[in-house]
Amino acid sequence: MTVRLERTGAIARIVLDRPDALNALNGEMKDRIGDLALELQRDTDVRCVVLCGTGRAFCSGSDIGTMTGFDVRAGRARLQQAHRFILGIANLDKPVIAAVRGATVGVGFSLALASDLVVASDTARFGLVFKKVGLAPDGGMAYFMTHAVGARRARELMLSARLFDAKEAQSLGLVAEVVDDARLDARAMELAEEMASSATFALAMGKRMFHAAARPSLEEFLELESHIQTEVLQTQDHREGVAAYREKRKPLFHGR
């Protein structure tokens, strides 16, 4: 199982467990996260959720090896699958804490931002690296980043696709705390225990209020994203980006 569910009292941990691939997300993992989010939404014994990964990375994005044989219908289905797991985490009526270390990039970064609180190891590295494989941001990244840091800074991070460390992420308001790597898991559980012992129904209603305050809604934005990304997935640049990634070379893009 590449995504595990662990329970400690009122706390549930969703653990990405594919360390040999830096926890890159394939379709099975996205489905599993979406299923677990639905299960945890219904489980009244769970009062807080922690997202984390095994090994030296939180999540290095989508598994590039699965990006083959694209057609429009398959592309839309794949995007809807991705949106389901992002929405499942973002809309949980319980506090969600992401504990991240190492690579937290691409849709893995989107997954972290879908949580309510990000605690980062000092080893964490973030990036909107989509252009490196000829893609537009996905997983709600443009939505989350625009609301978190503003449109101009979000565009700069997307256009540059540069990696930035946990301290910069904290200065941008994307990360709540930065801790020594050895302390990350314990600190996430400390925060989860505090959340789980608090008035979680009030927190759930507060989350709904913050969601309502953001317009357009995440659902409306993801519908737009799915149309845009379906077009981008058909481009020559995307095919070149995937090929270059597999062949471990610099891509040669032509803007089409």
C-alpha atoms as a PDB file:
ATOM      1  CA  MET A   1       0.000   0.000   0.000  1.00  0.00           C
ATOM      2  CA  THR A   2       1.589   3.282  -1.120  1.00  0.00           C
ATOM      3  CA  VAL A   3      -0.660   5.418   1.104  1.00  0.00           C
ATOM      4  CA  ARG A   4      -1.194   4.255   4.686  1.00  0.00           C
ATOM      5  CA  LEU A   5      -3.715   5.309   7.298  1.00  0.00           C
ATOM      6  CA  GLU A   6      -2.500   5.275  10.907  1.00  0.00           C
ATOM      7  CA  ARG A   7      -4.529   6.174  13.974  1.00  0.00           C
ATOM      8  CA  THR A   8      -3.390   7.391  17.366  1.00  0.00           C
ATOM      9  CA  GLY A   9      -6.388   8.175  19.553  1.00  0.00           C
ATOM     10  CA  ALA A  10      -8.343  10.975  17.881  1.00  0.00           C
ATOM     11  CA  ILE A  11      -5.554  11.683  15.377  1.00  0.00           C
ATOM     12  CA  ALA A  12      -5.349  10.075  11.925  1.00  0.00           C
ATOM     13  CA  ARG A  13      -2.160  10.136   9.854  1.00  0.00           C
ATOM     14  CA  ILE A  14      -2.283   9.844   6.063  1.00  0.00           C
ATOM     15  CA  VAL A  15       1.204   8.633   5.161  1.00  0.00           C
ATOM     16  CA  LEU A  16       2.571   8.757   1.609  1.00  0.00           C
ATOM     17  CA  ASP A  17       4.688   5.608   1.491  1.00  0.00           C
ATOM     18  CA  ARG A  18       6.604   5.444  -1.764  1.00  0.00           C
ATOM     19  CA  PRO A  19      10.022   6.639  -0.623  1.00  0.00           C
ATOM     20  CA  ASP A  20      11.960   5.131  -3.541  1.00  0.00           C
ATOM     21  CA  ALA A  21      10.108   7.581  -5.838  1.00  0.00           C
ATOM     22  CA  LEU A  22      10.218  10.483  -3.341  1.00  0.00           C
ATOM     23  CA  ASN A  23       6.505   9.797  -2.789  1.00  0.00           C
ATOM     24  CA  ALA A  24       5.585  10.875  -6.335  1.00  0.00           C
ATOM     25  CA  LEU A  25       1.832  10.470  -6.727  1.00  0.00           C
ATOM     26  CA  ASN A  26       0.404   7.964  -9.179  1.00  0.00           C
ATOM     27  CA  GLY A  27      -3.292   7.445  -9.893  1.00  0.00           C
ATOM     28  CA  GLU A  28      -3.677   4.760  -7.249  1.00  0.00           C
ATOM     29  CA  MET A  29      -2.271   7.064  -4.570  1.00  0.00           C
ATOM     30  CA  LYS A  30      -4.524   9.948  -5.567  1.00  0.00           C
ATOM     31  CA  ASP A  31      -7.561   7.673  -5.436  1.00  0.00           C
ATOM     32  CA  ARG A  32      -6.488   6.345  -2.055  1.00  0.00           C
ATOM     33  CA  ILE A  33      -6.069   9.842  -0.570  1.00  0.00           C
ATOM     34  CA  GLY A  34      -9.495  10.819  -1.901  1.00  0.00           C
ATOM     35  CA  ASP A  35     -11.050   7.673  -0.403  1.00  0.00           C
ATOM     36  CA  LEU A  36      -9.348   8.230   2.941  1.00  0.00           C
ATOM     37  CA  ALA A  37     -10.495  11.859   3.072  1.00  0.00           C
ATOM     38  CA  LEU A  38     -14.086  10.699   2.593  1.00  0.00           C
ATOM     39  CA  GLU A  39     -13.652   7.990   5.240  1.00  0.00           C
ATOM     40  CA  LEU A  40     -12.171  10.428   7.742  1.00  0.00           C
ATOM     41  CA  GLN A  41     -14.869  13.001   7.057  1.00  0.00           C
ATOM     42  CA  ARG A  42     -17.447  10.454   8.202  1.00  0.00           C
ATOM     43  CA  ASP A  43     -15.439   9.164  11.185  1.00  0.00           C
ATOM     44  CA  THR A  44     -16.575  11.125  14.234  1.00  0.00           C
ATOM     45  CA  ASP A  45     -13.800   9.589  16.362  1.00  0.00           C
ATOM     46  CA  VAL A  46     -11.142  11.382  14.291  1.00  0.00           C
ATOM     47  CA  ARG A  47     -10.678  15.002  15.332  1.00  0.00           C
ATOM     48  CA  CYS A  48      -7.466  15.967  13.525  1.00  0.00           C
ATOM     49  CA  VAL A  49      -5.557  14.697  10.464  1.00  0.00           C
ATOM     50  CA  VAL A  50      -1.817  14.777   9.746  1.00  0.00           C
ATOM     51  CA  LEU A  51      -0.415  14.450   6.211  1.00  0.00           C
ATOM     52  CA  CYS A  52       3.167  13.223   5.936  1.00  0.00           C
ATOM     53  CA  GLY A  53       5.546  11.159   3.812  1.00  0.00           C
ATOM     54  CA  THR A  54       8.097   8.451   4.463  1.00  0.00           C
ATOM     55  CA  GLY A  55      11.755   8.812   3.592  1.00  0.00           C
ATOM     56  CA  ARG A  56      13.494  12.052   2.699  1.00  0.00           C
ATOM     57  CA  ALA A  57      10.651  13.805   0.835  1.00  0.00           C
ATOM     58  CA  PHE A  58       7.051  14.780   1.415  1.00  0.00           C
ATOM     59  CA  CYS A  59       6.046  14.509  -2.241  1.00  0.00           C
ATOM     60  CA  SER A  60       7.952  15.195  -5.470  1.00  0.00           C
ATOM     61  CA  GLY A  61       4.768  15.798  -7.471  1.00  0.00           C
ATOM     62  CA  SER A  62       2.937  13.559  -9.918  1.00  0.00           C
ATOM     63  CA  ASP A  63       4.628  10.433 -11.218  1.00  0.00           C
ATOM     64  CA  ILE A  64       5.960  11.521 -14.620  1.00  0.00           C
ATOM     65  CA  GLY A  65       6.123   7.886 -15.688  1.00  0.00           C
ATOM     66  CA  THR A  66       2.325   7.725 -15.758  1.00  0.00           C
ATOM     67  CA  MET A  67       1.986  10.657 -18.170  1.00  0.00           C
ATOM     68  CA  THR A  68       1.705   8.641 -21.370  1.00  0.00           C
ATOM     69  CA  GLY A  69      -0.852   7.894 -24.047  1.00  0.00           C
ATOM     70  CA  PHE A  70      -2.802  11.124 -23.528  1.00  0.00           C
ATOM     71  CA  ASP A  71      -6.146  11.806 -25.164  1.00  0.00           C
ATOM     72  CA  VAL A  72      -8.712  14.435 -24.219  1.00  0.00           C
ATOM     73  CA  ARG A  73     -11.128  12.056 -22.488  1.00  0.00           C
ATOM     74  CA  ALA A  74      -8.373  10.340 -20.497  1.00  0.00           C
ATOM     75  CA  GLY A  75      -6.847  13.695 -19.624  1.00  0.00           C
ATOM     76  CA  ARG A  76     -10.083  15.060 -18.210  1.00  0.00           C
ATOM     77  CA  ALA A  77     -10.609  11.884 -16.189  1.00  0.00           C
ATOM     78  CA  ARG A  78      -7.084  12.121 -14.787  1.00  0.00           C
ATOM     79  CA  LEU A  79      -7.580  15.740 -13.787  1.00  0.00           C
ATOM     80  CA  GLN A  80     -10.903  14.998 -12.116  1.00  0.00           C
ATOM     81  CA  GLN A  81      -9.162  12.221 -10.185  1.00  0.00           C
ATOM     82  CA  ALA A  82      -6.502  14.690  -9.054  1.00  0.00           C
ATOM     83  CA  HIS A  83      -9.100  17.270  -8.102  1.00  0.00           C
ATOM     84  CA  ARG A  84     -10.995  14.734  -6.004  1.00  0.00           C
ATOM     85  CA  PHE A  85      -8.067  14.147  -3.654  1.00  0.00           C
ATOM     86  CA  ILE A  86      -7.245  17.848  -3.372  1.00  0.00           C
ATOM     87  CA  LEU A  87     -10.858  18.719  -2.618  1.00  0.00           C
ATOM     88  CA  GLY A  88     -11.106  15.836  -0.160  1.00  0.00           C
ATOM     89  CA  ILE A  89      -8.256  17.248   1.913  1.00  0.00           C
ATOM     90  CA  ALA A  90      -9.222  20.916   1.530  1.00  0.00           C
ATOM     91  CA  ASN A  91     -12.856  20.327   2.498  1.00  0.00           C
ATOM     92  CA  LEU A  92     -12.323  18.047   5.497  1.00  0.00           C
ATOM     93  CA  ASP A  93     -14.335  19.333   8.450  1.00  0.00           C
ATOM     94  CA  LYS A  94     -11.360  18.674  10.728  1.00  0.00           C
ATOM     95  CA  PRO A  95      -8.008  20.430  11.125  1.00  0.00           C
ATOM     96  CA  VAL A  96      -5.427  19.086   8.661  1.00  0.00           C
ATOM     97  CA  ILE A  97      -1.704  19.510   9.351  1.00  0.00           C
ATOM     98  CA  ALA A  98       0.898  18.803   6.662  1.00  0.00           C
ATOM     99  CA  ALA A  99       4.312  17.764   8.014  1.00  0.00           C
ATOM    100  CA  VAL A 100       6.765  18.230   5.142  1.00  0.00           C
ATOM    101  CA  ARG A 101      10.433  17.520   4.599  1.00  0.00           C
ATOM    102  CA  GLY A 102      12.653  17.428   1.544  1.00  0.00           C
ATOM    103  CA  ALA A 103      11.030  17.783  -1.873  1.00  0.00           C
ATOM    104  CA  THR A 104       7.561  19.345  -1.646  1.00  0.00           C
ATOM    105  CA  VAL A 105       6.980  20.352  -5.245  1.00  0.00           C
ATOM    106  CA  GLY A 106       4.442  20.306  -8.056  1.00  0.00           C
ATOM    107  CA  VAL A 107       1.127  18.745  -7.089  1.00  0.00           C
ATOM    108  CA  GLY A 108       2.809  17.567  -3.865  1.00  0.00           C
ATOM    109  CA  PHE A 109       3.108  21.235  -2.921  1.00  0.00           C
ATOM    110  CA  SER A 110      -0.557  21.690  -3.883  1.00  0.00           C
ATOM    111  CA  LEU A 111      -1.463  18.839  -1.533  1.00  0.00           C
ATOM    112  CA  ALA A 112       0.421  20.495   1.331  1.00  0.00           C
ATOM    113  CA  LEU A 113      -1.339  23.806   0.625  1.00  0.00           C
ATOM    114  CA  ALA A 114      -4.725  22.055   0.673  1.00  0.00           C
ATOM    115  CA  SER A 115      -4.102  21.443   4.374  1.00  0.00           C
ATOM    116  CA  ASP A 116      -4.821  24.045   7.048  1.00  0.00           C
ATOM    117  CA  LEU A 117      -1.347  24.247   8.530  1.00  0.00           C
ATOM    118  CA  VAL A 118       2.090  23.356   7.177  1.00  0.00           C
ATOM    119  CA  VAL A 119       4.938  22.459   9.522  1.00  0.00           C
ATOM    120  CA  ALA A 120       8.233  22.123   7.662  1.00  0.00           C
ATOM    121  CA  SER A 121      11.542  20.482   8.363  1.00  0.00           C
ATOM    122  CA  ASP A 122      14.600  22.630   7.716  1.00  0.00           C
ATOM    123  CA  THR A 123      15.317  20.226   4.841  1.00  0.00           C
ATOM    124  CA  ALA A 124      12.100  21.134   2.981  1.00  0.00           C
ATOM    125  CA  ARG A 125      12.354  22.568  -0.516  1.00  0.00           C
ATOM    126  CA  PHE A 126       9.327  23.977  -2.326  1.00  0.00           C
ATOM    127  CA  GLY A 127       8.678  24.829  -5.946  1.00  0.00           C
ATOM    128  CA  LEU A 128       6.073  25.397  -8.633  1.00  0.00           C
ATOM    129  CA  VAL A 129       8.082  23.290 -11.077  1.00  0.00           C
ATOM    130  CA  PHE A 130       5.317  22.593 -13.603  1.00  0.00           C
ATOM    131  CA  LYS A 131       6.968  24.371 -16.537  1.00  0.00           C
ATOM    132  CA  LYS A 132       9.877  21.932 -16.389  1.00  0.00           C
ATOM    133  CA  VAL A 133       7.582  19.262 -17.838  1.00  0.00           C
ATOM    134  CA  GLY A 134       5.611  21.668 -20.013  1.00  0.00           C
ATOM    135  CA  LEU A 135       2.556  21.969 -17.779  1.00  0.00           C
ATOM    136  CA  ALA A 136       0.503  24.727 -16.196  1.00  0.00           C
ATOM    137  CA  PRO A 137       0.090  24.594 -12.399  1.00  0.00           C
ATOM    138  CA  ASP A 138      -2.408  21.997 -11.192  1.00  0.00           C
ATOM    139  CA  GLY A 139      -3.969  20.644  -8.025  1.00  0.00           C
ATOM    140  CA  GLY A 140      -5.368  24.126  -7.314  1.00  0.00           C
ATOM    141  CA  MET A 141      -1.856  25.595  -7.036  1.00  0.00           C
ATOM    142  CA  ALA A 142      -2.716  28.942  -8.652  1.00  0.00           C
ATOM    143  CA  TYR A 143      -5.764  29.227  -6.376  1.00  0.00           C
ATOM    144  CA  PHE A 144      -3.878  28.413  -3.178  1.00  0.00           C
ATOM    145  CA  MET A 145      -0.842  30.559  -3.992  1.00  0.00           C
ATOM    146  CA  THR A 146      -2.830  33.599  -5.111  1.00  0.00           C
ATOM    147  CA  HIS A 147      -4.824  33.560  -1.885  1.00  0.00           C
ATOM    148  CA  ALA A 148      -1.707  32.936   0.219  1.00  0.00           C
ATOM    149  CA  VAL A 149       0.919  35.264  -1.257  1.00  0.00           C
ATOM    150  CA  GLY A 150      -0.859  37.447  -3.831  1.00  0.00           C
ATOM    151  CA  ALA A 151      -0.988  37.212  -7.600  1.00  0.00           C
ATOM    152  CA  ARG A 152       2.323  38.911  -8.432  1.00  0.00           C
ATOM    153  CA  ARG A 153       4.470  36.792  -6.119  1.00  0.00           C
ATOM    154  CA  ALA A 154       2.587  33.653  -7.145  1.00  0.00           C
ATOM    155  CA  ARG A 155       3.273  34.407 -10.815  1.00  0.00           C
ATOM    156  CA  GLU A 156       6.969  34.983 -10.106  1.00  0.00           C
ATOM    157  CA  LEU A 157       7.272  31.612  -8.415  1.00  0.00           C
ATOM    158  CA  MET A 158       5.420  29.913 -11.278  1.00  0.00           C
ATOM    159  CA  LEU A 159       7.396  31.657 -14.032  1.00  0.00           C
ATOM    160  CA  SER A 160      10.787  31.014 -12.431  1.00  0.00           C
ATOM    161  CA  ALA A 161       9.973  27.472 -11.220  1.00  0.00           C
ATOM    162  CA  ARG A 162      12.743  28.061  -8.692  1.00  0.00           C
ATOM    163  CA  LEU A 163      13.117  26.017  -5.536  1.00  0.00           C
ATOM    164  CA  PHE A 164      12.937  27.864  -2.241  1.00  0.00           C
ATOM    165  CA  ASP A 165      13.638  26.734   1.294  1.00  0.00           C
ATOM    166  CA  ALA A 166      11.473  26.436   4.368  1.00  0.00           C
ATOM    167  CA  LYS A 167      12.505  29.788   5.807  1.00  0.00           C
ATOM    168  CA  GLU A 168      11.450  31.622   2.662  1.00  0.00           C
ATOM    169  CA  ALA A 169       8.212  29.636   2.621  1.00  0.00           C
ATOM    170  CA  GLN A 170       7.609  30.733   6.206  1.00  0.00           C
ATOM    171  CA  SER A 171       8.325  34.373   5.342  1.00  0.00           C
ATOM    172  CA  LEU A 172       5.726  34.105   2.553  1.00  0.00           C
ATOM    173  CA  GLY A 173       3.138  32.758   4.997  1.00  0.00           C
ATOM    174  CA  LEU A 174       3.026  29.308   3.377  1.00  0.00           C
ATOM    175  CA  VAL A 175       4.578  27.528   6.364  1.00  0.00           C
ATOM    176  CA  ALA A 176       3.530  28.035   9.983  1.00  0.00           C
ATOM    177  CA  GLU A 177       6.668  26.616  11.644  1.00  0.00           C
ATOM    178  CA  VAL A 178      10.137  25.441  10.652  1.00  0.00           C
ATOM    179  CA  VAL A 179      11.753  22.834  12.895  1.00  0.00           C
ATOM    180  CA  ASP A 180      14.833  20.626  12.898  1.00  0.00           C
ATOM    181  CA  ASP A 181      14.243  17.573  10.739  1.00  0.00           C
ATOM    182  CA  ALA A 182      14.514  15.246  13.734  1.00  0.00           C
ATOM    183  CA  ARG A 183      11.688  17.160  15.457  1.00  0.00           C
ATOM    184  CA  LEU A 184       9.254  17.321  12.541  1.00  0.00           C
ATOM    185  CA  ASP A 185       7.064  14.289  13.243  1.00  0.00           C
ATOM    186  CA  ALA A 186       6.902  14.932  16.971  1.00  0.00           C
ATOM    187  CA  ARG A 187       6.027  18.604  16.477  1.00  0.00           C
ATOM    188  CA  ALA A 188       3.266  17.751  14.007  1.00  0.00           C
ATOM    189  CA  MET A 189       1.780  15.326  16.528  1.00  0.00           C
ATOM    190  CA  GLU A 190       2.003  17.929  19.317  1.00  0.00           C
ATOM    191  CA  LEU A 191       0.021  20.363  17.203  1.00  0.00           C
ATOM    192  CA  ALA A 192      -2.430  17.636  16.205  1.00  0.00           C
ATOM    193  CA  GLU A 193      -3.024  16.714  19.845  1.00  0.00           C
ATOM    194  CA  GLU A 194      -3.707  20.334  20.720  1.00  0.00           C
ATOM    195  CA  MET A 195      -6.134  20.666  17.799  1.00  0.00           C
ATOM    196  CA  ALA A 196      -7.860  17.346  18.571  1.00  0.00           C
ATOM    197  CA  SER A 197      -8.481  18.408  22.165  1.00  0.00           C
ATOM    198  CA  SER A 198     -10.027  21.730  21.162  1.00  0.00           C
ATOM    199  CA  ALA A 199     -13.527  22.696  19.986  1.00  0.00           C
ATOM    200  CA  THR A 200     -13.244  20.907  16.668  1.00  0.00           C
ATOM    201  CA  PHE A 201     -16.850  21.537  15.600  1.00  0.00           C
ATOM    202  CA  ALA A 202     -16.234  25.276  15.938  1.00  0.00           C
ATOM    203  CA  LEU A 203     -13.007  24.863  13.956  1.00  0.00           C
ATOM    204  CA  ALA A 204     -14.894  23.006  11.232  1.00  0.00           C
ATOM    205  CA  MET A 205     -17.424  25.811  10.954  1.00  0.00           C
ATOM    206  CA  GLY A 206     -14.602  28.336  10.920  1.00  0.00           C
ATOM    207  CA  LYS A 207     -13.011  26.474   8.010  1.00  0.00           C
ATOM    208  CA  ARG A 208     -16.299  26.655   6.113  1.00  0.00           C
ATOM    209  CA  MET A 209     -16.405  30.415   6.688  1.00  0.00           C
ATOM    210  CA  PHE A 210     -12.891  30.876   5.298  1.00  0.00           C
ATOM    211  CA  HIS A 211     -13.776  28.739   2.275  1.00  0.00           C
ATOM    212  CA  ALA A 212     -16.891  30.851   1.696  1.00  0.00           C
ATOM    213  CA  ALA A 213     -14.831  34.038   1.906  1.00  0.00           C
ATOM    214  CA  ALA A 214     -12.666  32.956  -1.053  1.00  0.00           C
ATOM    215  CA  ARG A 215     -14.267  33.614  -4.435  1.00  0.00           C
ATOM    216  CA  PRO A 216     -14.389  31.970  -6.867  1.00  0.00           C
ATOM    217  CA  SER A 217     -14.701  28.772  -4.897  1.00  0.00           C
ATOM    218  CA  LEU A 218     -12.006  26.113  -5.144  1.00  0.00           C
ATOM    219  CA  GLU A 219     -14.492  23.901  -7.001  1.00  0.00           C
ATOM    220  CA  GLU A 220     -15.147  26.617  -9.597  1.00  0.00           C
ATOM    221  CA  PHE A 221     -11.444  27.278 -10.007  1.00  0.00           C
ATOM    222  CA  LEU A 222     -10.600  23.584 -10.458  1.00  0.00           C
ATOM    223  CA  GLU A 223     -13.210  23.307 -13.210  1.00  0.00           C
ATOM    224  CA  LEU A 224     -11.439  26.110 -15.070  1.00  0.00           C
ATOM    225  CA  GLU A 225      -8.075  24.481 -14.363  1.00  0.00           C
ATOM    226  CA  SER A 226      -9.240  21.188 -15.851  1.00  0.00           C
ATOM    227  CA  HIS A 227     -10.093  22.847 -19.173  1.00  0.00           C
ATOM    228  CA  ILE A 228      -6.783  24.703 -19.346  1.00  0.00           C
ATOM    229  CA  GLN A 229      -4.672  21.727 -18.330  1.00  0.00           C
ATOM    230  CA  THR A 230      -6.444  19.449 -20.815  1.00  0.00           C
ATOM    231  CA  GLU A 231      -5.211  21.751 -23.588  1.00  0.00           C
ATOM    232  CA  VAL A 232      -1.690  21.951 -22.155  1.00  0.00           C
ATOM    233  CA  LEU A 233      -1.459  18.161 -21.861  1.00  0.00           C
ATOM    234  CA  GLN A 234      -1.806  17.943 -25.661  1.00  0.00           C
ATOM    235  CA  THR A 235       1.123  20.228 -26.450  1.00  0.00           C
ATOM    236  CA  GLN A 236       4.438  19.346 -28.019  1.00  0.00           C
ATOM    237  CA  ASP A 237       6.182  21.075 -25.101  1.00  0.00           C
ATOM    238  CA  HIS A 238       4.564  18.746 -22.584  1.00  0.00           C
ATOM    239  CA  ARG A 239       5.607  15.670 -24.586  1.00  0.00           C
ATOM    240  CA  GLU A 240       9.143  17.075 -24.781  1.00  0.00           C
ATOM    241  CA  GLY A 241       9.179  17.856 -21.050  1.00  0.00           C
ATOM    242  CA  VAL A 242       8.207  14.301 -20.140  1.00  0.00           C
ATOM    243  CA  ALA A 243      10.738  12.820 -22.576  1.00  0.00           C
ATOM    244  CA  ALA A 244      13.519  15.062 -21.243  1.00  0.00           C
ATOM    245  CA  TYR A 245      12.697  14.118 -17.658  1.00  0.00           C
ATOM    246  CA  ARG A 246      12.930  10.421 -18.479  1.00  0.00           C
ATOM    247  CA  GLU A 247      16.132  10.847 -20.468  1.00  0.00           C
ATOM    248  CA  LYS A 248      17.650  13.077 -17.760  1.00  0.00           C
ATOM    249  CA  ARG A 249      18.426  15.936 -20.130  1.00  0.00           C
ATOM    250  CA  LYS A 250      17.442  19.576 -20.502  1.00  0.00           C
ATOM    251  CA  PRO A 251      14.160  19.960 -22.432  1.00  0.00           C
ATOM    252  CA  LEU A 252      14.067  21.877 -25.701  1.00  0.00           C
ATOM    253  CA  PHE A 253      10.756  23.753 -25.675  1.00  0.00           C
ATOM    254  CA  HIS A 254       9.196  25.554 -28.658  1.00  0.00           C
ATOM    255  CA  GLY A 255       6.187  27.206 -27.039  1.00  0.00           C
ATOM    256  CA  ARG A 256       3.637  25.008 -28.749  1.00  0.00           C
END
